[in-house]
């Protein structure tokens, strides 16, 4: 069985345990206060209709901007 190490703990940074304020070997087994750096993902809530409309609006603005840039390039090539 493998045990989590200090390196994998959210409370470990730059060779130190942030909870205890001491230097620790990053490869040694983590203490009982171990908190994983990467939290397990939670089930995503369905997007709200207003958030989805905002995303669509942002995509459309981006597409419009890109079309404008392409039209400028075409005009330059047509000279």
PDB file of N, CA and C in Angstrom:
ATOM      1  N   UNK A   1       0.846  -1.190   0.000  1.00  0.00           N
ATOM      2  CA  UNK A   1       0.000   0.000   0.000  1.00  0.00           C
ATOM      3  C   UNK A   1       0.884   1.244   0.000  1.00  0.00           C
ATOM      4  N   UNK A   2       0.532   2.220  -0.820  1.00  0.00           N
ATOM      5  CA  UNK A   2       1.295   3.469  -0.847  1.00  0.00           C
ATOM      6  C   UNK A   2       0.572   4.516  -0.003  1.00  0.00           C
ATOM      7  N   UNK A   3       1.367   5.315   0.662  1.00  0.00           N
ATOM      8  CA  UNK A   3       0.834   6.376   1.507  1.00  0.00           C
ATOM      9  C   UNK A   3       1.063   7.716   0.832  1.00  0.00           C
ATOM     10  N   UNK A   4       0.181   8.682   1.078  1.00  0.00           N
ATOM     11  CA  UNK A   4       0.416  10.015   0.520  1.00  0.00           C
ATOM     12  C   UNK A   4       1.674  10.634   1.120  1.00  0.00           C
ATOM     13  N   UNK A   5       2.323  11.476   0.334  1.00  0.00           N
ATOM     14  CA  UNK A   5       3.534  12.140   0.807  1.00  0.00           C
ATOM     15  C   UNK A   5       3.251  13.621   1.065  1.00  0.00           C
ATOM     16  N   UNK A   6       4.202  14.262   1.743  1.00  0.00           N
ATOM     17  CA  UNK A   6       4.059  15.700   2.006  1.00  0.00           C
ATOM     18  C   UNK A   6       3.905  16.473   0.701  1.00  0.00           C
ATOM     19  N   UNK A   7       4.625  16.053  -0.347  1.00  0.00           N
ATOM     20  CA  UNK A   7       4.577  16.742  -1.638  1.00  0.00           C
ATOM     21  C   UNK A   7       3.153  16.813  -2.195  1.00  0.00           C
ATOM     22  N   UNK A   8       2.333  15.826  -1.893  1.00  0.00           N
ATOM     23  CA  UNK A   8       0.967  15.756  -2.409  1.00  0.00           C
ATOM     24  C   UNK A   8      -0.039  16.521  -1.558  1.00  0.00           C
ATOM     25  N   UNK A   9       0.431  17.108  -0.464  1.00  0.00           N
ATOM     26  CA  UNK A   9      -0.449  17.789   0.480  1.00  0.00           C
ATOM     27  C   UNK A   9      -0.645  19.256   0.097  1.00  0.00           C
ATOM     28  N   UNK A  10      -1.866  19.725   0.257  1.00  0.00           N
ATOM     29  CA  UNK A  10      -2.185  21.130  -0.024  1.00  0.00           C
ATOM     30  C   UNK A  10      -1.482  22.071   0.950  1.00  0.00           C
ATOM     31  N   UNK A  11      -1.074  21.552   2.098  1.00  0.00           N
ATOM     32  CA  UNK A  11      -0.411  22.369   3.115  1.00  0.00           C
ATOM     33  C   UNK A  11       1.105  22.358   2.995  1.00  0.00           C
ATOM     34  N   UNK A  12       1.641  21.811   1.913  1.00  0.00           N
ATOM     35  CA  UNK A  12       3.084  21.747   1.691  1.00  0.00           C
ATOM     36  C   UNK A  12       3.471  22.744   0.612  1.00  0.00           C
ATOM     37  N   UNK A  13       4.466  23.590   0.914  1.00  0.00           N
ATOM     38  CA  UNK A  13       4.929  24.556  -0.080  1.00  0.00           C
ATOM     39  C   UNK A  13       6.382  24.887   0.199  1.00  0.00           C
ATOM     40  N   UNK A  14       7.193  24.860  -0.846  1.00  0.00           N
ATOM     41  CA  UNK A  14       8.608  25.231  -0.756  1.00  0.00           C
ATOM     42  C   UNK A  14       9.348  24.492   0.360  1.00  0.00           C
ATOM     43  N   UNK A  15       9.068  23.182   0.503  1.00  0.00           N
ATOM     44  CA  UNK A  15       9.781  22.376   1.481  1.00  0.00           C
ATOM     45  C   UNK A  15       9.291  22.512   2.917  1.00  0.00           C
ATOM     46  N   UNK A  16       8.184  23.223   3.116  1.00  0.00           N
ATOM     47  CA  UNK A  16       7.698  23.458   4.480  1.00  0.00           C
ATOM     48  C   UNK A  16       6.243  23.022   4.625  1.00  0.00           C
ATOM     49  N   UNK A  17       5.929  22.559   5.826  1.00  0.00           N
ATOM     50  CA  UNK A  17       4.541  22.297   6.190  1.00  0.00           C
ATOM     51  C   UNK A  17       3.965  23.636   6.643  1.00  0.00           C
ATOM     52  N   UNK A  18       2.939  24.102   5.966  1.00  0.00           N
ATOM     53  CA  UNK A  18       2.356  25.399   6.312  1.00  0.00           C
ATOM     54  C   UNK A  18       1.576  25.348   7.620  1.00  0.00           C
ATOM     55  N   UNK A  19       1.067  24.170   7.983  1.00  0.00           N
ATOM     56  CA  UNK A  19       0.331  24.062   9.250  1.00  0.00           C
ATOM     57  C   UNK A  19       1.254  24.123  10.457  1.00  0.00           C
ATOM     58  N   UNK A  20       2.384  23.393  10.368  1.00  0.00           N
ATOM     59  CA  UNK A  20       3.290  23.315  11.513  1.00  0.00           C
ATOM     60  C   UNK A  20       4.456  24.299  11.419  1.00  0.00           C
ATOM     61  N   UNK A  21       4.674  24.859  10.222  1.00  0.00           N
ATOM     62  CA  UNK A  21       5.749  25.822  10.040  1.00  0.00           C
ATOM     63  C   UNK A  21       7.136  25.206  10.116  1.00  0.00           C
ATOM     64  N   UNK A  22       7.258  23.947   9.741  1.00  0.00           N
ATOM     65  CA  UNK A  22       8.556  23.271   9.805  1.00  0.00           C
ATOM     66  C   UNK A  22       8.930  22.734   8.434  1.00  0.00           C
ATOM     67  N   UNK A  23      10.232  22.527   8.225  1.00  0.00           N
ATOM     68  CA  UNK A  23      10.698  21.903   7.002  1.00  0.00           C
ATOM     69  C   UNK A  23      10.434  20.407   7.085  1.00  0.00           C
ATOM     70  N   UNK A  24       9.967  19.839   5.972  1.00  0.00           N
ATOM     71  CA  UNK A  24       9.700  18.405   5.918  1.00  0.00           C
ATOM     72  C   UNK A  24      10.237  17.850   4.610  1.00  0.00           C
ATOM     73  N   UNK A  25      10.587  16.575   4.614  1.00  0.00           N
ATOM     74  CA  UNK A  25      11.025  15.885   3.410  1.00  0.00           C
ATOM     75  C   UNK A  25       9.798  15.686   2.515  1.00  0.00           C
ATOM     76  N   UNK A  26       9.816  16.222   1.295  1.00  0.00           N
ATOM     77  CA  UNK A  26       8.643  16.118   0.436  1.00  0.00           C
ATOM     78  C   UNK A  26       8.254  14.683   0.105  1.00  0.00           C
ATOM     79  N   UNK A  27       9.217  13.758   0.190  1.00  0.00           N
ATOM     80  CA  UNK A  27       8.933  12.371  -0.181  1.00  0.00           C
ATOM     81  C   UNK A  27       8.579  11.482   1.008  1.00  0.00           C
ATOM     82  N   UNK A  28       8.594  12.018   2.205  1.00  0.00           N
ATOM     83  CA  UNK A  28       8.247  11.204   3.373  1.00  0.00           C
ATOM     84  C   UNK A  28       6.727  11.135   3.514  1.00  0.00           C
ATOM     85  N   UNK A  29       6.233  10.124   4.218  1.00  0.00           N
ATOM     86  CA  UNK A  29       4.782   9.986   4.393  1.00  0.00           C
ATOM     87  C   UNK A  29       4.177  11.220   5.054  1.00  0.00           C
ATOM     88  N   UNK A  30       3.015  11.582   4.577  1.00  0.00           N
ATOM     89  CA  UNK A  30       2.324  12.761   5.098  1.00  0.00           C
ATOM     90  C   UNK A  30       1.805  12.505   6.511  1.00  0.00           C
ATOM     91  N   UNK A  31       1.572  13.585   7.227  1.00  0.00           N
ATOM     92  CA  UNK A  31       1.076  13.493   8.600  1.00  0.00           C
ATOM     93  C   UNK A  31      -0.447  13.292   8.605  1.00  0.00           C
ATOM     94  N   UNK A  32      -1.045  13.115   9.782  1.00  0.00           N
ATOM     95  CA  UNK A  32      -2.505  12.932   9.863  1.00  0.00           C
ATOM     96  C   UNK A  32      -3.305  14.143   9.378  1.00  0.00           C
ATOM     97  N   UNK A  33      -2.667  15.312   9.270  1.00  0.00           N
ATOM     98  CA  UNK A  33      -3.360  16.514   8.783  1.00  0.00           C
ATOM     99  C   UNK A  33      -3.378  16.601   7.263  1.00  0.00           C
ATOM    100  N   UNK A  34      -2.980  15.536   6.575  1.00  0.00           N
ATOM    101  CA  UNK A  34      -2.881  15.529   5.121  1.00  0.00           C
ATOM    102  C   UNK A  34      -4.187  15.977   4.481  1.00  0.00           C
ATOM    103  N   UNK A  35      -4.039  16.916   3.537  1.00  0.00           N
ATOM    104  CA  UNK A  35      -5.152  17.385   2.719  1.00  0.00           C
ATOM    105  C   UNK A  35      -4.693  17.295   1.271  1.00  0.00           C
ATOM    106  N   UNK A  36      -5.359  16.503   0.436  1.00  0.00           N
ATOM    107  CA  UNK A  36      -4.898  16.355  -0.952  1.00  0.00           C
ATOM    108  C   UNK A  36      -4.928  17.688  -1.697  1.00  0.00           C
ATOM    109  N   UNK A  37      -3.918  17.892  -2.544  1.00  0.00           N
ATOM    110  CA  UNK A  37      -3.864  19.111  -3.373  1.00  0.00           C
ATOM    111  C   UNK A  37      -5.039  19.155  -4.334  1.00  0.00           C
ATOM    112  N   UNK A  38      -5.318  18.034  -4.935  1.00  0.00           N
ATOM    113  CA  UNK A  38      -6.395  17.969  -5.918  1.00  0.00           C
ATOM    114  C   UNK A  38      -7.621  17.390  -5.245  1.00  0.00           C
ATOM    115  N   UNK A  39      -8.649  18.202  -5.141  1.00  0.00           N
ATOM    116  CA  UNK A  39      -9.891  17.749  -4.542  1.00  0.00           C
ATOM    117  C   UNK A  39     -10.667  16.918  -5.563  1.00  0.00           C
ATOM    118  N   UNK A  40     -11.413  15.958  -5.087  1.00  0.00           N
ATOM    119  CA  UNK A  40     -12.217  15.157  -6.002  1.00  0.00           C
ATOM    120  C   UNK A  40     -13.319  16.039  -6.567  1.00  0.00           C
ATOM    121  N   UNK A  41     -13.551  15.936  -7.874  1.00  0.00           N
ATOM    122  CA  UNK A  41     -14.556  16.811  -8.488  1.00  0.00           C
ATOM    123  C   UNK A  41     -15.960  16.471  -8.007  1.00  0.00           C
ATOM    124  N   UNK A  42     -16.725  17.511  -7.802  1.00  0.00           N
ATOM    125  CA  UNK A  42     -18.117  17.328  -7.418  1.00  0.00           C
ATOM    126  C   UNK A  42     -18.959  17.275  -8.676  1.00  0.00           C
ATOM    127  N   UNK A  43     -20.139  16.730  -8.551  1.00  0.00           N
ATOM    128  CA  UNK A  43     -21.043  16.681  -9.700  1.00  0.00           C
ATOM    129  C   UNK A  43     -21.372  18.118 -10.104  1.00  0.00           C
ATOM    130  N   UNK A  44     -21.234  18.393 -11.369  1.00  0.00           N
ATOM    131  CA  UNK A  44     -21.475  19.745 -11.868  1.00  0.00           C
ATOM    132  C   UNK A  44     -22.971  20.031 -11.894  1.00  0.00           C
ATOM    133  N   UNK A  45     -23.301  21.192 -11.402  1.00  0.00           N
ATOM    134  CA  UNK A  45     -24.700  21.616 -11.459  1.00  0.00           C
ATOM    135  C   UNK A  45     -25.016  22.046 -12.881  1.00  0.00           C
ATOM    136  N   UNK A  46     -26.233  21.842 -13.315  1.00  0.00           N
ATOM    137  CA  UNK A  46     -26.576  22.279 -14.666  1.00  0.00           C
ATOM    138  C   UNK A  46     -26.443  23.796 -14.764  1.00  0.00           C
ATOM    139  N   UNK A  47     -25.945  24.297 -15.904  1.00  0.00           N
ATOM    140  CA  UNK A  47     -25.761  25.753 -16.015  1.00  0.00           C
ATOM    141  C   UNK A  47     -27.103  26.480 -15.991  1.00  0.00           C
ATOM    142  N   UNK A  48     -27.071  27.649 -15.381  1.00  0.00           N
ATOM    143  CA  UNK A  48     -28.305  28.437 -15.344  1.00  0.00           C
ATOM    144  C   UNK A  48     -28.563  28.997 -16.734  1.00  0.00           C
ATOM    145  N   UNK A  49     -29.818  29.231 -17.070  1.00  0.00           N
ATOM    146  CA  UNK A  49     -30.121  29.771 -18.405  1.00  0.00           C
ATOM    147  C   UNK A  49     -29.417  31.106 -18.665  1.00  0.00           C
ATOM    148  N   UNK A  50     -29.310  31.966 -17.651  1.00  0.00           N
ATOM    149  CA  UNK A  50     -28.659  33.264 -17.876  1.00  0.00           C
ATOM    150  C   UNK A  50     -27.167  33.078 -18.122  1.00  0.00           C
ATOM    151  N   UNK A  51     -26.536  32.130 -17.423  1.00  0.00           N
ATOM    152  CA  UNK A  51     -25.120  31.856 -17.655  1.00  0.00           C
ATOM    153  C   UNK A  51     -24.919  31.297 -19.056  1.00  0.00           C
ATOM    154  N   UNK A  52     -25.796  30.413 -19.485  1.00  0.00           N
ATOM    155  CA  UNK A  52     -25.688  29.832 -20.825  1.00  0.00           C
ATOM    156  C   UNK A  52     -25.882  30.912 -21.900  1.00  0.00           C
ATOM    157  N   UNK A  53     -26.806  31.826 -21.689  1.00  0.00           N
ATOM    158  CA  UNK A  53     -27.005  32.933 -22.641  1.00  0.00           C
ATOM    159  C   UNK A  53     -25.764  33.816 -22.703  1.00  0.00           C
ATOM    160  N   UNK A  54     -25.147  34.079 -21.546  1.00  0.00           N
ATOM    161  CA  UNK A  54     -23.933  34.885 -21.513  1.00  0.00           C
ATOM    162  C   UNK A  54     -22.827  34.201 -22.304  1.00  0.00           C
ATOM    163  N   UNK A  55     -22.647  32.880 -22.118  1.00  0.00           N
ATOM    164  CA  UNK A  55     -21.628  32.146 -22.864  1.00  0.00           C
ATOM    165  C   UNK A  55     -21.869  32.221 -24.365  1.00  0.00           C
ATOM    166  N   UNK A  56     -23.123  32.052 -24.761  1.00  0.00           N
ATOM    167  CA  UNK A  56     -23.454  32.133 -26.190  1.00  0.00           C
ATOM    168  C   UNK A  56     -23.146  33.525 -26.720  1.00  0.00           C
ATOM    169  N   UNK A  57     -23.488  34.558 -25.962  1.00  0.00           N
ATOM    170  CA  UNK A  57     -23.226  35.934 -26.379  1.00  0.00           C
ATOM    171  C   UNK A  57     -21.721  36.169 -26.550  1.00  0.00           C
ATOM    172  N   UNK A  58     -20.910  35.650 -25.612  1.00  0.00           N
ATOM    173  CA  UNK A  58     -19.452  35.797 -25.696  1.00  0.00           C
ATOM    174  C   UNK A  58     -18.898  35.062 -26.924  1.00  0.00           C
ATOM    175  N   UNK A  59     -19.431  33.875 -27.215  1.00  0.00           N
ATOM    176  CA  UNK A  59     -18.985  33.135 -28.398  1.00  0.00           C
ATOM    177  C   UNK A  59     -19.335  33.896 -29.668  1.00  0.00           C
ATOM    178  N   UNK A  60     -20.538  34.461 -29.711  1.00  0.00           N
ATOM    179  CA  UNK A  60     -20.949  35.225 -30.886  1.00  0.00           C
ATOM    180  C   UNK A  60     -20.094  36.474 -31.074  1.00  0.00           C
ATOM    181  N   UNK A  61     -19.759  37.152 -29.980  1.00  0.00           N
ATOM    182  CA  UNK A  61     -18.894  38.329 -30.082  1.00  0.00           C
ATOM    183  C   UNK A  61     -17.507  37.944 -30.585  1.00  0.00           C
ATOM    184  N   UNK A  62     -17.006  36.804 -30.136  1.00  0.00           N
ATOM    185  CA  UNK A  62     -15.708  36.336 -30.597  1.00  0.00           C
ATOM    186  C   UNK A  62     -15.757  35.991 -32.081  1.00  0.00           C
ATOM    187  N   UNK A  63     -16.815  35.317 -32.508  1.00  0.00           N
ATOM    188  CA  UNK A  63     -16.960  34.976 -33.930  1.00  0.00           C
ATOM    189  C   UNK A  63     -17.056  36.250 -34.762  1.00  0.00           C
ATOM    190  N   UNK A  64     -17.817  37.219 -34.287  1.00  0.00           N
ATOM    191  CA  UNK A  64     -17.962  38.488 -35.006  1.00  0.00           C
ATOM    192  C   UNK A  64     -16.614  39.199 -35.133  1.00  0.00           C
ATOM    193  N   UNK A  65     -15.837  39.204 -34.054  1.00  0.00           N
ATOM    194  CA  UNK A  65     -14.520  39.834 -34.085  1.00  0.00           C
ATOM    195  C   UNK A  65     -13.614  39.140 -35.093  1.00  0.00           C
ATOM    196  N   UNK A  66     -13.659  37.812 -35.101  1.00  0.00           N
ATOM    197  CA  UNK A  66     -12.823  37.063 -36.039  1.00  0.00           C
ATOM    198  C   UNK A  66     -13.229  37.317 -37.485  1.00  0.00           C
ATOM    199  N   UNK A  67     -14.526  37.403 -37.717  1.00  0.00           N
ATOM    200  CA  UNK A  67     -15.004  37.697 -39.070  1.00  0.00           C
ATOM    201  C   UNK A  67     -14.516  39.075 -39.496  1.00  0.00           C
ATOM    202  N   UNK A  68     -14.576  40.048 -38.592  1.00  0.00           N
ATOM    203  CA  UNK A  68     -14.088  41.390 -38.905  1.00  0.00           C
ATOM    204  C   UNK A  68     -12.608  41.377 -39.278  1.00  0.00           C
ATOM    205  N   UNK A  69     -11.802  40.630 -38.540  1.00  0.00           N
ATOM    206  CA  UNK A  69     -10.370  40.534 -38.846  1.00  0.00           C
ATOM    207  C   UNK A  69     -10.143  39.871 -40.203  1.00  0.00           C
ATOM    208  N   UNK A  70     -10.896  38.837 -40.504  1.00  0.00           N
ATOM    209  CA  UNK A  70     -10.761  38.164 -41.799  1.00  0.00           C
ATOM    210  C   UNK A  70     -11.186  39.086 -42.950  1.00  0.00           C
ATOM    211  N   UNK A  71     -12.239  39.862 -42.742  1.00  0.00           N
ATOM    212  CA  UNK A  71     -12.679  40.808 -43.772  1.00  0.00           C
ATOM    213  C   UNK A  71     -11.602  41.849 -44.040  1.00  0.00           C
ATOM    214  N   UNK A  72     -10.932  42.335 -42.984  1.00  0.00           N
ATOM    215  CA  UNK A  72      -9.843  43.305 -43.171  1.00  0.00           C
ATOM    216  C   UNK A  72      -8.717  42.679 -43.977  1.00  0.00           C
ATOM    217  N   UNK A  73      -8.362  41.443 -43.679  1.00  0.00           N
ATOM    218  CA  UNK A  73      -7.294  40.767 -44.421  1.00  0.00           C
ATOM    219  C   UNK A  73      -7.677  40.583 -45.880  1.00  0.00           C
ATOM    220  N   UNK A  74      -8.936  40.255 -46.127  1.00  0.00           N
ATOM    221  CA  UNK A  74      -9.400  40.084 -47.511  1.00  0.00           C
ATOM    222  C   UNK A  74      -9.333  41.409 -48.269  1.00  0.00           C
ATOM    223  N   UNK A  75      -9.719  42.493 -47.606  1.00  0.00           N
ATOM    224  CA  UNK A  75      -9.647  43.808 -48.268  1.00  0.00           C
ATOM    225  C   UNK A  75      -8.217  44.147 -48.634  1.00  0.00           C
ATOM    226  N   UNK A  76      -7.283  43.865 -47.717  1.00  0.00           N
ATOM    227  CA  UNK A  76      -5.865  44.146 -48.009  1.00  0.00           C
ATOM    228  C   UNK A  76      -5.380  43.312 -49.193  1.00  0.00           C
ATOM    229  N   UNK A  77      -5.798  42.077 -49.263  1.00  0.00           N
ATOM    230  CA  UNK A  77      -5.369  41.212 -50.368  1.00  0.00           C
ATOM    231  C   UNK A  77      -5.994  41.643 -51.694  1.00  0.00           C
ATOM    232  N   UNK A  78      -7.161  42.263 -51.646  1.00  0.00           N
ATOM    233  CA  UNK A  78      -7.863  42.684 -52.867  1.00  0.00           C
ATOM    234  C   UNK A  78      -7.339  43.970 -53.459  1.00  0.00           C
ATOM    235  N   UNK A  79      -6.481  44.666 -52.802  1.00  0.00           N
ATOM    236  CA  UNK A  79      -5.966  45.955 -53.324  1.00  0.00           C
ATOM    237  C   UNK A  79      -5.113  45.771 -54.514  1.00  0.00           C
TER     238      UNK A  79
END
